[in-house]
Amino acid sequence: MKIRMNILRLLPCALTTVIVFSVSCSDLFGPSISNLTVTVGLDSVSLPLDNSDSFYIDSPQICCSVKLERAHKNTAVTSKWVLTDGELAAGDNPVIYEDTVYLDTDGYAGFTFHPSVRGFARGEYRIDVYIDGKAKASGNFTVQKDATGSLPQIKKFTLRPEVITGGQSSQLCWQVSGATSIRIVPSPGKVETSGEVTITPTTDAVYTLYAVNRSGCSSSTISIKVLPAITGSADLQILDYWNTGNILFYRICNKGTLASPGTFSALYKNGLSVSEDFVGPLSPGEERVESFAGYHFSPRFGSITGSALPEGISDAVNMRICLNQPASCDESDFDNNCFEHNFGPLLSINLLRYISKAEWINSSGALTWPMGMNRSSGWATLGTAVMQDGSFPNALLIYPGTETGSYIQASIGIPYGEPYVLTPITVPFKCKLTYLAGLTSDATGGAGASLMIGIKEGDSIEFLDVVNLKSKGKPEKYEVDLSKLAGRQVELIVRAEAGETLHQGSIAWIDPVLAQDR
């Protein structure tokens, strides 16, 4: 329904003017805007913070606040921003920014217009506000430049390197003065006045830096080229080596997909570098026999010459060859570059030979061998371990004590002299400890019982392996690799613990052998 009112008024000059107000019911009773304010910012409920109709091109934002009255559910409030006159104004005054908010009740609607990377365009602007698609209010503001000032200075904007291979990185650096805002497109993250950031583009890219102040915008552009990633690589591998007379030979192969450059191989004797050999380039799949012609290999074994080493020390000579030393060739696998071999008699010691002269302790203190079978403090003895599949004579039987968490422990070395002195064992190259362990068939209780293997250097103890003994009467085989301890002088530690008290039976340690591989 519309209400139409006609008002006639006779003017002195006999001119009759008809003024027609055409007002719809929705205009009288529907949503309306009581005021429009252009401002530098908005608070949490879109109230204007500081009114202004004049801004500079480096303003961080321009906001508009309107007060809505007689709102209904989902009232659509739309603002359209138009540059009507200025350096970038178009003839038909197109909308350069538009935003819509929805209100269910009376209140304030706010809109925020952010600048481009070059700042706001200088000129005259108009804001048109619509309610549910109908024009309701307009406001105006200007954006100006400071003609008296100087443009920002971009002192540095570089990429190093400017050409990379896929997967590689480059360093983006910049330094700017006299700017109130700085942006880099595409963005590498937060941008300060000066900075440096690592970028890893996957394709060719162009980076542009924009520096803005009240006088205008300065910009600089650089580009980076990304070459296709190189797929594949060389992979040098030593297949075998041997001695012929006094010369050591070895066979090398390039298992990779790219040719290798010239490299060096290194020869180590008992861990010490003694020679090197230059290896020429190898094509993918190529094998070649090389040698350390400058090294005279002539080991002398004490067991042969009659000057045998003391007990517990290996008489073998360890020779180790490592390719690509140092790593001058990029390989797909560096773990197959070394190969070692023990020449001569190998060490093999059953540790139970020395168990009666080991240093024994338990939860309460030192113990003396032989021990009485005191169930409260624990005991250890050499005897037969009765298992479901048979008996194991000369096994170490250990009872850790009746208290939950109690333990008994031995430090094993080589005894010399009378009275004897316990001497550490020199761990040989390519050495390991193998043994069987389990609960005897008559064991009851003892859930959580464990056997721990470690080393002792001076007063320091390091445990290398922990075995949880779950089932009784079924010993299992275990192996501890000691290769990384080669050359170190240590006592071996065996420690038995009971998470729950063993009511009867014991923990069995069977055939613990310290041995070298060839």
Protein backbone atom coordinates (compact mmCIF):
# COMPACT_ATOMS: atom_id res chain seq x y z
CA MET A 1 0.00 0.00 0.00
CA LYS A 2 1.28 3.52 -0.79
CA ILE A 3 0.11 6.84 0.65
CA ARG A 4 0.08 9.62 -1.93
CA MET A 5 -0.13 13.28 -0.79
CA ASN A 6 -0.65 16.24 -3.20
CA ILE A 7 0.15 19.71 -1.90
CA LEU A 8 -0.66 22.81 -4.00
CA ARG A 9 0.81 26.15 -3.24
CA LEU A 10 0.34 29.44 -5.20
CA LEU A 11 3.57 31.41 -5.48
CA PRO A 12 3.64 35.21 -5.86
CA CYS A 13 4.80 34.97 -9.45
CA ALA A 14 1.72 32.93 -10.27
CA LEU A 15 3.89 29.80 -10.80
CA THR A 16 2.15 26.75 -9.46
CA THR A 17 4.57 23.91 -8.18
CA VAL A 18 3.35 20.45 -7.38
CA ILE A 19 5.58 18.48 -4.88
CA VAL A 20 4.75 14.80 -4.69
CA PHE A 21 5.92 12.57 -1.82
CA SER A 22 5.50 8.94 -2.67
CA VAL A 23 6.09 6.92 0.53
CA SER A 24 5.65 3.18 0.78
CA CYS A 25 4.65 1.40 3.97
CA SER A 26 7.97 -0.42 3.95
CA ASP A 27 9.78 2.98 3.99
CA LEU A 28 7.72 4.11 6.94
CA PHE A 29 7.93 0.91 8.94
CA GLY A 30 10.79 -1.17 7.44
CA PRO A 31 14.54 -1.10 8.20
CA SER A 32 16.29 2.23 7.84
CA ILE A 33 19.66 3.90 8.44
CA SER A 34 19.79 6.82 10.83
CA ASN A 35 23.41 7.81 10.18
CA LEU A 36 26.49 6.87 8.10
CA THR A 37 30.00 7.61 9.38
CA VAL A 38 33.36 7.27 7.64
CA THR A 39 36.04 6.44 10.21
CA VAL A 40 39.61 5.21 10.67
CA GLY A 41 38.50 2.19 12.69
CA LEU A 42 35.66 0.27 14.36
CA ASP A 43 35.23 -1.10 17.84
CA SER A 44 33.97 -4.59 18.69
CA VAL A 45 30.31 -3.65 17.94
CA SER A 46 31.14 -1.62 14.79
CA LEU A 47 30.87 1.80 16.43
CA PRO A 48 33.17 4.37 14.75
CA LEU A 49 36.42 5.10 16.62
CA ASP A 50 37.60 8.34 14.99
CA ASN A 51 35.52 10.05 12.32
CA SER A 52 37.30 11.36 9.23
CA ASP A 53 36.54 12.11 5.61
CA SER A 54 40.17 12.58 4.54
CA PHE A 55 42.84 9.84 4.31
CA TYR A 56 46.32 9.32 2.88
CA ILE A 57 47.26 6.63 0.39
CA ASP A 58 49.25 4.75 3.08
CA SER A 59 46.33 4.55 5.53
CA PRO A 60 46.12 0.99 6.87
CA GLN A 61 42.33 0.91 6.36
CA ILE A 62 39.19 3.00 5.78
CA CYS A 63 36.01 2.05 7.62
CA CYS A 64 32.32 2.85 7.39
CA SER A 65 29.77 2.52 10.20
CA VAL A 66 25.98 2.72 9.76
CA LYS A 67 23.25 2.58 12.41
CA LEU A 68 20.39 0.26 11.49
CA GLU A 69 16.87 0.72 12.88
CA ARG A 70 13.76 -1.49 12.65
CA ALA A 71 15.83 -4.49 11.55
CA HIS A 72 14.22 -7.84 10.85
CA LYS A 73 15.85 -11.28 10.89
CA ASN A 74 18.72 -11.50 8.36
CA THR A 75 18.55 -7.90 7.29
CA ALA A 76 21.12 -7.55 4.51
CA VAL A 77 23.23 -4.39 4.76
CA THR A 78 25.49 -3.85 1.72
CA SER A 79 28.14 -1.21 1.12
CA LYS A 80 29.47 -0.37 -2.35
CA TRP A 81 32.60 1.77 -2.64
CA VAL A 82 33.12 3.83 -5.79
CA LEU A 83 36.12 5.94 -6.91
CA THR A 84 34.30 8.85 -8.53
CA ASP A 85 37.27 11.05 -9.40
CA GLY A 86 41.00 10.48 -9.24
CA GLU A 87 44.05 8.87 -10.82
CA LEU A 88 42.39 5.49 -11.34
CA ALA A 89 38.72 6.58 -11.67
CA ALA A 90 36.77 5.00 -14.54
CA GLY A 91 34.11 6.75 -16.61
CA ASP A 92 31.16 4.69 -15.39
CA ASN A 93 32.19 4.79 -11.73
CA PRO A 94 32.40 1.00 -11.26
CA VAL A 95 32.24 -0.49 -7.80
CA ILE A 96 35.83 -1.15 -6.57
CA TYR A 97 34.83 -2.82 -3.29
CA GLU A 98 31.63 -4.38 -2.00
CA ASP A 99 30.69 -6.14 1.23
CA THR A 100 27.49 -7.37 2.90
CA VAL A 101 26.70 -8.05 6.56
CA TYR A 102 23.52 -9.46 8.07
CA LEU A 103 21.79 -8.20 11.22
CA ASP A 104 18.86 -9.68 13.15
CA THR A 105 18.33 -6.71 15.49
CA ASP A 106 18.90 -2.96 15.54
CA GLY A 107 22.53 -1.96 15.87
CA TYR A 108 25.60 -0.93 13.94
CA ALA A 109 26.95 -2.51 10.78
CA GLY A 110 30.61 -1.96 9.96
CA PHE A 111 32.67 -2.27 6.77
CA THR A 112 36.44 -2.15 6.35
CA PHE A 113 38.16 -1.30 3.05
CA HIS A 114 41.81 -2.44 2.89
CA PRO A 115 44.40 -0.94 0.54
CA SER A 116 46.03 -2.73 -2.38
CA VAL A 117 49.74 -3.54 -2.31
CA ARG A 118 50.33 -0.03 -3.72
CA GLY A 119 48.16 1.66 -1.10
CA PHE A 120 44.85 3.43 -1.73
CA ALA A 121 44.35 5.18 -5.06
CA ARG A 122 44.28 8.98 -4.73
CA GLY A 123 40.89 10.60 -5.46
CA GLU A 124 37.28 11.20 -4.43
CA TYR A 125 35.23 8.25 -3.16
CA ARG A 126 31.56 7.60 -2.52
CA ILE A 127 30.05 4.88 -0.30
CA ASP A 128 26.53 3.73 -1.11
CA VAL A 129 24.74 1.65 1.51
CA TYR A 130 21.76 -0.60 0.68
CA ILE A 131 19.27 -2.41 2.88
CA ASP A 132 17.91 -5.60 1.32
CA GLY A 133 19.07 -4.28 -2.07
CA LYS A 134 17.50 -0.79 -1.77
CA ALA A 135 19.64 2.37 -1.56
CA LYS A 136 19.36 4.01 1.84
CA ALA A 137 22.38 6.23 2.50
CA SER A 138 25.59 7.63 0.96
CA GLY A 139 28.82 9.10 2.27
CA ASN A 140 31.97 10.61 0.79
CA PHE A 141 35.68 10.76 1.57
CA THR A 142 38.94 11.64 -0.15
CA VAL A 143 42.35 9.96 -0.38
CA GLN A 144 45.34 12.23 -0.92
CA LYS A 145 49.10 12.11 -1.42
CA ASP A 146 51.74 14.18 0.33
CA ALA A 147 53.32 15.99 -2.59
CA THR A 148 56.07 17.47 -0.42
CA GLY A 149 57.60 14.18 0.67
CA SER A 150 59.83 11.55 -0.96
CA LEU A 151 59.00 8.07 -2.11
CA PRO A 152 60.26 5.08 -0.08
CA GLN A 153 63.73 3.80 -0.97
CA ILE A 154 64.28 0.11 -1.78
CA LYS A 155 67.96 -0.30 -0.95
CA LYS A 156 68.15 -4.06 -1.51
CA PHE A 157 65.91 -6.72 -2.99
CA THR A 158 67.83 -9.82 -4.04
CA LEU A 159 67.58 -13.56 -4.59
CA ARG A 160 70.66 -15.72 -4.16
CA PRO A 161 70.83 -17.84 -6.20
CA GLU A 162 68.41 -16.79 -8.94
CA VAL A 163 68.56 -20.21 -10.62
CA ILE A 164 67.94 -23.39 -8.61
CA THR A 165 67.09 -27.03 -9.20
CA GLY A 166 63.77 -28.42 -7.99
CA GLY A 167 63.94 -29.10 -4.26
CA GLN A 168 66.72 -26.57 -3.67
CA SER A 169 66.30 -23.26 -1.82
CA SER A 170 67.21 -19.63 -2.37
CA GLN A 171 67.69 -16.71 0.00
CA LEU A 172 65.34 -13.73 -0.43
CA CYS A 173 66.77 -10.52 1.10
CA TRP A 174 65.42 -6.97 1.30
CA GLN A 175 66.07 -3.60 2.91
CA VAL A 176 63.72 -0.59 2.71
CA SER A 177 63.73 2.91 4.23
CA GLY A 178 61.07 5.61 4.46
CA ALA A 179 58.07 3.27 4.13
CA THR A 180 55.01 2.96 6.36
CA SER A 181 53.96 -0.36 4.85
CA ILE A 182 55.93 -3.07 3.02
CA ARG A 183 54.58 -6.14 1.21
CA ILE A 184 56.16 -8.86 -0.91
CA VAL A 185 54.05 -10.79 -3.41
CA PRO A 186 53.87 -13.78 -3.23
CA SER A 187 54.20 -13.43 0.52
CA PRO A 188 57.16 -15.13 2.23
CA GLY A 189 55.67 -14.38 5.65
CA LYS A 190 55.96 -11.37 7.95
CA VAL A 191 57.85 -8.50 6.31
CA GLU A 192 59.77 -5.92 8.34
CA THR A 193 61.91 -2.98 7.14
CA SER A 194 64.73 -5.41 6.41
CA GLY A 195 64.87 -9.15 6.42
CA GLU A 196 65.97 -12.45 4.96
CA VAL A 197 63.99 -15.61 4.36
CA THR A 198 64.61 -18.99 2.73
CA ILE A 199 62.23 -19.86 -0.11
CA THR A 200 61.84 -23.18 -1.94
CA PRO A 201 59.63 -22.59 -4.98
CA THR A 202 58.67 -25.58 -7.11
CA THR A 203 58.24 -23.59 -10.35
CA ASP A 204 59.58 -20.36 -11.87
CA ALA A 205 58.36 -17.43 -9.77
CA VAL A 206 58.36 -13.62 -9.78
CA TYR A 207 58.62 -11.74 -6.48
CA THR A 208 57.63 -8.06 -6.20
CA LEU A 209 58.32 -5.78 -3.24
CA TYR A 210 55.96 -2.83 -2.64
CA ALA A 211 56.99 -0.02 -0.28
CA VAL A 212 54.33 2.64 0.46
CA ASN A 213 54.28 5.97 2.30
CA ARG A 214 52.16 9.13 2.05
CA SER A 215 54.00 10.23 -1.07
CA GLY A 216 53.39 7.08 -3.07
CA CYS A 217 54.61 3.57 -3.82
CA SER A 218 58.02 2.24 -4.83
CA SER A 219 58.34 -1.30 -6.18
CA SER A 220 61.01 -3.74 -7.31
CA THR A 221 60.66 -7.09 -9.06
CA ILE A 222 62.99 -10.10 -9.23
CA SER A 223 62.49 -13.58 -10.63
CA ILE A 224 63.79 -17.04 -9.88
CA LYS A 225 64.14 -19.90 -12.34
CA VAL A 226 63.55 -23.46 -11.14
CA LEU A 227 65.21 -26.12 -13.27
CA PRO A 228 63.84 -29.67 -13.35
CA ALA A 229 65.05 -31.75 -10.43
CA ILE A 230 67.81 -34.19 -11.18
CA THR A 231 66.42 -37.65 -10.64
CA GLY A 232 68.63 -40.47 -9.49
CA SER A 233 72.21 -40.42 -8.27
CA ALA A 234 75.33 -42.52 -8.10
CA ASP A 235 75.58 -45.31 -5.52
CA LEU A 236 79.08 -46.67 -4.91
CA GLN A 237 79.19 -50.06 -3.24
CA ILE A 238 82.07 -52.34 -2.27
CA LEU A 239 81.27 -55.94 -3.17
CA ASP A 240 84.33 -57.84 -1.90
CA TYR A 241 88.00 -57.54 -1.05
CA TRP A 242 90.93 -59.90 -0.63
CA ASN A 243 94.71 -60.00 -0.48
CA THR A 244 97.07 -61.41 -3.07
CA GLY A 245 100.48 -61.54 -1.48
CA ASN A 246 101.05 -58.20 0.23
CA ILE A 247 98.49 -56.24 -1.83
CA LEU A 248 94.85 -55.69 -0.83
CA PHE A 249 92.36 -55.72 -3.72
CA TYR A 250 88.67 -54.77 -3.70
CA ARG A 251 85.78 -54.80 -6.16
CA ILE A 252 83.70 -51.64 -6.48
CA CYS A 253 80.42 -51.11 -8.32
CA ASN A 254 78.21 -48.12 -9.16
CA LYS A 255 74.69 -49.36 -8.35
CA GLY A 256 73.14 -45.93 -9.03
CA THR A 257 71.52 -44.34 -12.07
CA LEU A 258 74.08 -41.54 -12.60
CA ALA A 259 77.82 -41.72 -13.24
CA SER A 260 80.10 -41.06 -10.28
CA PRO A 261 82.98 -38.56 -10.42
CA GLY A 262 86.51 -39.43 -9.34
CA THR A 263 86.61 -40.36 -5.65
CA PHE A 264 89.04 -41.69 -3.02
CA SER A 265 88.84 -44.91 -1.01
CA ALA A 266 90.38 -45.15 2.46
CA LEU A 267 92.00 -48.17 4.15
CA TYR A 268 91.91 -48.59 7.94
CA LYS A 269 93.89 -51.08 10.04
CA ASN A 270 92.37 -51.71 13.48
CA GLY A 271 90.53 -48.39 13.16
CA LEU A 272 93.55 -46.30 12.06
CA SER A 273 93.87 -44.85 8.53
CA VAL A 274 96.87 -46.35 6.73
CA SER A 275 96.35 -45.70 3.00
CA GLU A 276 94.10 -44.30 0.28
CA ASP A 277 93.35 -45.09 -3.37
CA PHE A 278 92.03 -42.86 -6.17
CA VAL A 279 89.01 -44.32 -8.00
CA GLY A 280 88.18 -42.93 -11.42
CA PRO A 281 84.60 -42.19 -12.57
CA LEU A 282 82.24 -45.16 -12.85
CA SER A 283 79.24 -45.34 -15.16
CA PRO A 284 75.93 -46.69 -13.82
CA GLY A 285 76.24 -50.47 -13.39
CA GLU A 286 80.00 -50.51 -13.98
CA GLU A 287 82.24 -52.76 -11.82
CA ARG A 288 85.98 -52.39 -11.36
CA VAL A 289 88.76 -54.04 -9.33
CA GLU A 290 90.92 -51.56 -7.43
CA SER A 291 93.86 -52.01 -5.04
CA PHE A 292 95.89 -50.26 -2.38
CA ALA A 293 99.14 -50.74 -4.31
CA GLY A 294 101.04 -48.37 -2.06
CA TYR A 295 100.29 -50.32 1.11
CA HIS A 296 102.37 -53.37 2.14
CA PHE A 297 99.94 -55.79 3.85
CA SER A 298 101.94 -58.23 6.00
CA PRO A 299 100.15 -59.08 9.27
CA ARG A 300 102.04 -61.05 11.95
CA PHE A 301 99.90 -63.11 14.30
CA GLY A 302 101.24 -63.84 17.75
CA SER A 303 99.51 -67.20 17.86
CA ILE A 304 101.64 -68.23 14.86
CA THR A 305 104.94 -66.57 15.78
CA GLY A 306 104.84 -67.76 19.39
CA SER A 307 104.29 -64.27 20.90
CA ALA A 308 100.59 -64.68 21.63
CA LEU A 309 98.69 -61.78 23.14
CA PRO A 310 97.35 -61.98 26.72
CA GLU A 311 94.12 -63.85 27.28
CA GLY A 312 90.99 -61.89 26.38
CA ILE A 313 92.64 -59.80 23.64
CA SER A 314 91.99 -60.50 19.95
CA ASP A 315 94.93 -61.64 17.80
CA ALA A 316 93.07 -60.79 14.57
CA VAL A 317 93.89 -57.83 12.31
CA ASN A 318 90.86 -55.82 11.20
CA MET A 319 91.11 -54.24 7.75
CA ARG A 320 88.33 -51.87 6.70
CA ILE A 321 87.83 -50.20 3.32
CA CYS A 322 85.52 -47.20 2.92
CA LEU A 323 84.58 -45.70 -0.45
CA ASN A 324 83.95 -42.04 -1.30
CA GLN A 325 86.09 -40.60 1.51
CA PRO A 326 85.29 -37.83 2.19
CA ALA A 327 81.78 -37.80 0.68
CA SER A 328 82.65 -35.85 -2.48
CA CYS A 329 80.11 -37.81 -4.54
CA ASP A 330 76.40 -37.40 -3.81
CA GLU A 331 75.02 -40.92 -3.40
CA SER A 332 71.56 -42.40 -2.94
CA ASP A 333 72.92 -44.71 -0.22
CA PHE A 334 76.00 -44.02 1.90
CA ASP A 335 75.45 -47.04 4.17
CA ASN A 336 76.99 -49.54 1.73
CA ASN A 337 80.32 -47.75 1.30
CA CYS A 338 82.34 -49.72 3.86
CA PHE A 339 83.45 -53.33 4.11
CA GLU A 340 85.65 -54.90 6.78
CA HIS A 341 87.36 -58.24 7.29
CA ASN A 342 89.25 -59.81 10.18
CA PHE A 343 92.46 -61.60 9.19
CA GLY A 344 93.96 -64.20 11.52
CA PRO A 345 92.66 -66.01 14.64
CA LEU A 346 89.35 -64.71 15.98
CA LEU A 347 88.49 -64.15 19.63
CA SER A 348 85.92 -66.46 21.23
CA ILE A 349 85.38 -66.41 25.00
CA ASN A 350 82.71 -68.19 27.01
CA LEU A 351 82.17 -65.67 29.80
CA LEU A 352 81.16 -68.38 32.27
CA ARG A 353 84.88 -69.28 32.48
CA TYR A 354 85.33 -66.10 34.53
CA ILE A 355 81.99 -65.93 36.32
CA SER A 356 83.32 -67.31 39.63
CA LYS A 357 85.88 -64.47 39.77
CA ALA A 358 83.50 -61.70 38.76
CA GLU A 359 82.58 -58.86 41.12
CA TRP A 360 79.11 -59.65 42.46
CA ILE A 361 76.65 -57.29 44.14
CA ASN A 362 72.96 -57.36 45.00
CA SER A 363 70.37 -54.90 46.33
CA SER A 364 72.08 -54.93 49.75
CA GLY A 365 75.77 -54.78 48.78
CA ALA A 366 78.78 -56.92 47.75
CA LEU A 367 78.58 -60.71 47.47
CA THR A 368 81.29 -63.36 47.63
CA TRP A 369 81.49 -66.43 45.39
CA PRO A 370 80.45 -69.15 46.14
CA MET A 371 77.15 -67.92 47.54
CA GLY A 372 74.78 -69.72 49.82
CA MET A 373 71.26 -70.07 48.48
CA ASN A 374 69.85 -67.25 50.60
CA ARG A 375 66.43 -66.59 49.14
CA SER A 376 66.00 -63.20 50.78
CA SER A 377 69.23 -61.63 49.46
CA GLY A 378 69.53 -63.70 46.27
CA TRP A 379 72.24 -66.00 44.97
CA ALA A 380 74.03 -67.18 41.82
CA THR A 381 75.74 -70.45 41.01
CA LEU A 382 76.93 -72.60 38.13
CA GLY A 383 74.69 -75.61 37.63
CA THR A 384 72.35 -77.43 35.27
CA ALA A 385 69.39 -75.47 33.87
CA VAL A 386 66.47 -77.87 33.50
CA MET A 387 64.24 -76.79 30.61
CA GLN A 388 61.29 -78.38 28.82
CA ASP A 389 63.41 -79.46 25.83
CA GLY A 390 66.33 -80.76 27.87
CA SER A 391 69.03 -79.78 30.34
CA PHE A 392 71.86 -77.29 29.90
CA PRO A 393 74.88 -78.15 32.10
CA ASN A 394 77.26 -75.45 33.29
CA ALA A 395 74.67 -72.66 33.07
CA LEU A 396 74.60 -69.62 35.35
CA LEU A 397 71.55 -69.90 37.62
CA ILE A 398 70.51 -66.63 39.24
CA TYR A 399 67.94 -65.96 41.94
CA PRO A 400 67.54 -62.16 42.37
CA GLY A 401 65.93 -62.21 45.84
CA THR A 402 62.50 -62.27 47.41
CA GLU A 403 61.75 -58.53 47.34
CA THR A 404 59.91 -57.15 44.31
CA GLY A 405 62.44 -55.23 42.19
CA SER A 406 65.46 -56.83 43.89
CA TYR A 407 68.48 -57.62 41.73
CA ILE A 408 71.82 -59.39 41.56
CA GLN A 409 74.63 -58.28 39.25
CA ALA A 410 78.06 -59.44 38.06
CA SER A 411 80.93 -57.44 36.53
CA ILE A 412 82.99 -59.79 34.33
CA GLY A 413 86.61 -59.17 33.36
CA ILE A 414 89.80 -61.19 32.80
CA PRO A 415 91.41 -62.27 36.11
CA TYR A 416 95.22 -62.03 36.24
CA GLY A 417 97.68 -63.03 38.98
CA GLU A 418 97.29 -64.68 42.36
CA PRO A 419 95.53 -63.20 44.16
CA TYR A 420 93.88 -62.17 40.92
CA VAL A 421 93.17 -58.66 39.67
CA LEU A 422 90.14 -58.15 37.43
CA THR A 423 91.24 -56.61 34.11
CA PRO A 424 88.85 -55.10 31.52
CA ILE A 425 88.27 -56.89 28.23
CA THR A 426 89.44 -55.10 25.07
CA VAL A 427 86.43 -55.32 22.74
CA PRO A 428 87.65 -56.57 19.34
CA PHE A 429 86.41 -55.50 15.89
CA LYS A 430 83.21 -57.11 14.54
CA CYS A 431 82.38 -58.47 17.97
CA LYS A 432 79.07 -59.63 19.42
CA LEU A 433 77.76 -61.38 22.53
CA THR A 434 75.39 -64.32 22.04
CA TYR A 435 73.60 -66.28 24.76
CA LEU A 436 70.47 -68.21 25.73
CA ALA A 437 68.26 -67.01 28.59
CA GLY A 438 65.01 -68.05 30.25
CA LEU A 439 63.25 -69.14 33.44
CA THR A 440 63.88 -72.73 34.52
CA SER A 441 61.01 -75.22 34.25
CA ASP A 442 60.40 -75.25 38.03
CA ALA A 443 60.01 -71.46 38.24
CA THR A 444 56.84 -70.07 39.82
CA GLY A 445 56.02 -66.38 40.10
CA GLY A 446 58.64 -63.99 38.79
CA ALA A 447 56.38 -62.17 36.33
CA GLY A 448 58.37 -59.34 34.78
CA ALA A 449 61.75 -60.94 35.48
CA SER A 450 64.45 -59.49 33.25
CA LEU A 451 68.06 -59.96 32.28
CA MET A 452 70.15 -56.89 31.45
CA ILE A 453 73.44 -56.82 29.53
CA GLY A 454 75.75 -53.82 29.81
CA ILE A 455 79.32 -52.55 30.01
CA LYS A 456 81.33 -50.90 32.75
CA GLU A 457 84.10 -48.36 32.08
CA GLY A 458 85.65 -47.11 35.29
CA ASP A 459 82.71 -46.37 37.55
CA SER A 460 80.26 -45.77 34.69
CA ILE A 461 77.74 -48.45 33.68
CA GLU A 462 75.78 -48.43 30.39
CA PHE A 463 73.13 -51.07 29.71
CA LEU A 464 72.93 -52.17 26.07
CA ASP A 465 70.10 -54.71 26.11
CA VAL A 466 67.16 -55.65 28.36
CA VAL A 467 65.48 -59.05 27.95
CA ASN A 468 62.07 -59.64 29.53
CA LEU A 469 61.71 -63.32 30.47
CA LYS A 470 58.05 -64.19 30.02
CA SER A 471 57.76 -67.98 29.64
CA LYS A 472 59.38 -70.72 31.74
CA GLY A 473 61.27 -73.74 30.48
CA LYS A 474 61.82 -72.24 27.00
CA PRO A 475 65.18 -70.48 26.69
CA GLU A 476 65.54 -68.08 23.77
CA LYS A 477 68.62 -66.98 21.88
CA TYR A 478 69.77 -63.36 22.07
CA GLU A 479 72.53 -61.35 20.42
CA VAL A 480 74.11 -58.02 21.38
CA ASP A 481 76.15 -56.22 18.70
CA LEU A 482 79.30 -54.73 20.23
CA SER A 483 80.85 -53.44 16.98
CA LYS A 484 80.61 -49.79 18.05
CA LEU A 485 82.67 -50.56 21.17
CA ALA A 486 85.70 -51.81 19.18
CA GLY A 487 88.96 -50.93 20.91
CA ARG A 488 87.33 -49.91 24.21
CA GLN A 489 88.34 -51.63 27.46
CA VAL A 490 85.27 -52.66 29.43
CA GLU A 491 83.95 -55.12 31.94
CA LEU A 492 80.75 -56.89 30.86
CA ILE A 493 77.73 -56.57 33.14
CA VAL A 494 74.99 -59.17 33.60
CA ARG A 495 72.14 -58.16 35.90
CA ALA A 496 69.03 -60.12 36.84
CA GLU A 497 65.92 -58.42 38.22
CA ALA A 498 62.53 -59.72 39.32
CA GLY A 499 59.49 -57.54 38.78
CA GLU A 500 57.61 -60.06 40.92
CA THR A 501 59.15 -62.45 43.43
CA LEU A 502 60.27 -65.86 42.14
CA HIS A 503 58.83 -68.40 44.58
CA GLN A 504 61.08 -71.15 43.26
CA GLY A 505 63.29 -71.86 40.27
CA SER A 506 65.75 -69.35 38.82
CA ILE A 507 66.83 -67.30 35.84
CA ALA A 508 69.23 -69.19 33.56
CA TRP A 509 72.05 -67.57 31.53
CA ILE A 510 73.34 -70.20 29.10
CA ASP A 511 76.46 -70.20 26.87
CA PRO A 512 77.29 -66.47 26.89
CA VAL A 513 79.98 -66.23 24.21
CA LEU A 514 81.94 -63.12 23.27
CA ALA A 515 83.07 -63.72 19.68
CA GLN A 516 84.32 -62.03 16.51
CA ASP A 517 82.98 -62.47 12.99
CA ARG A 518 85.34 -62.88 10.10
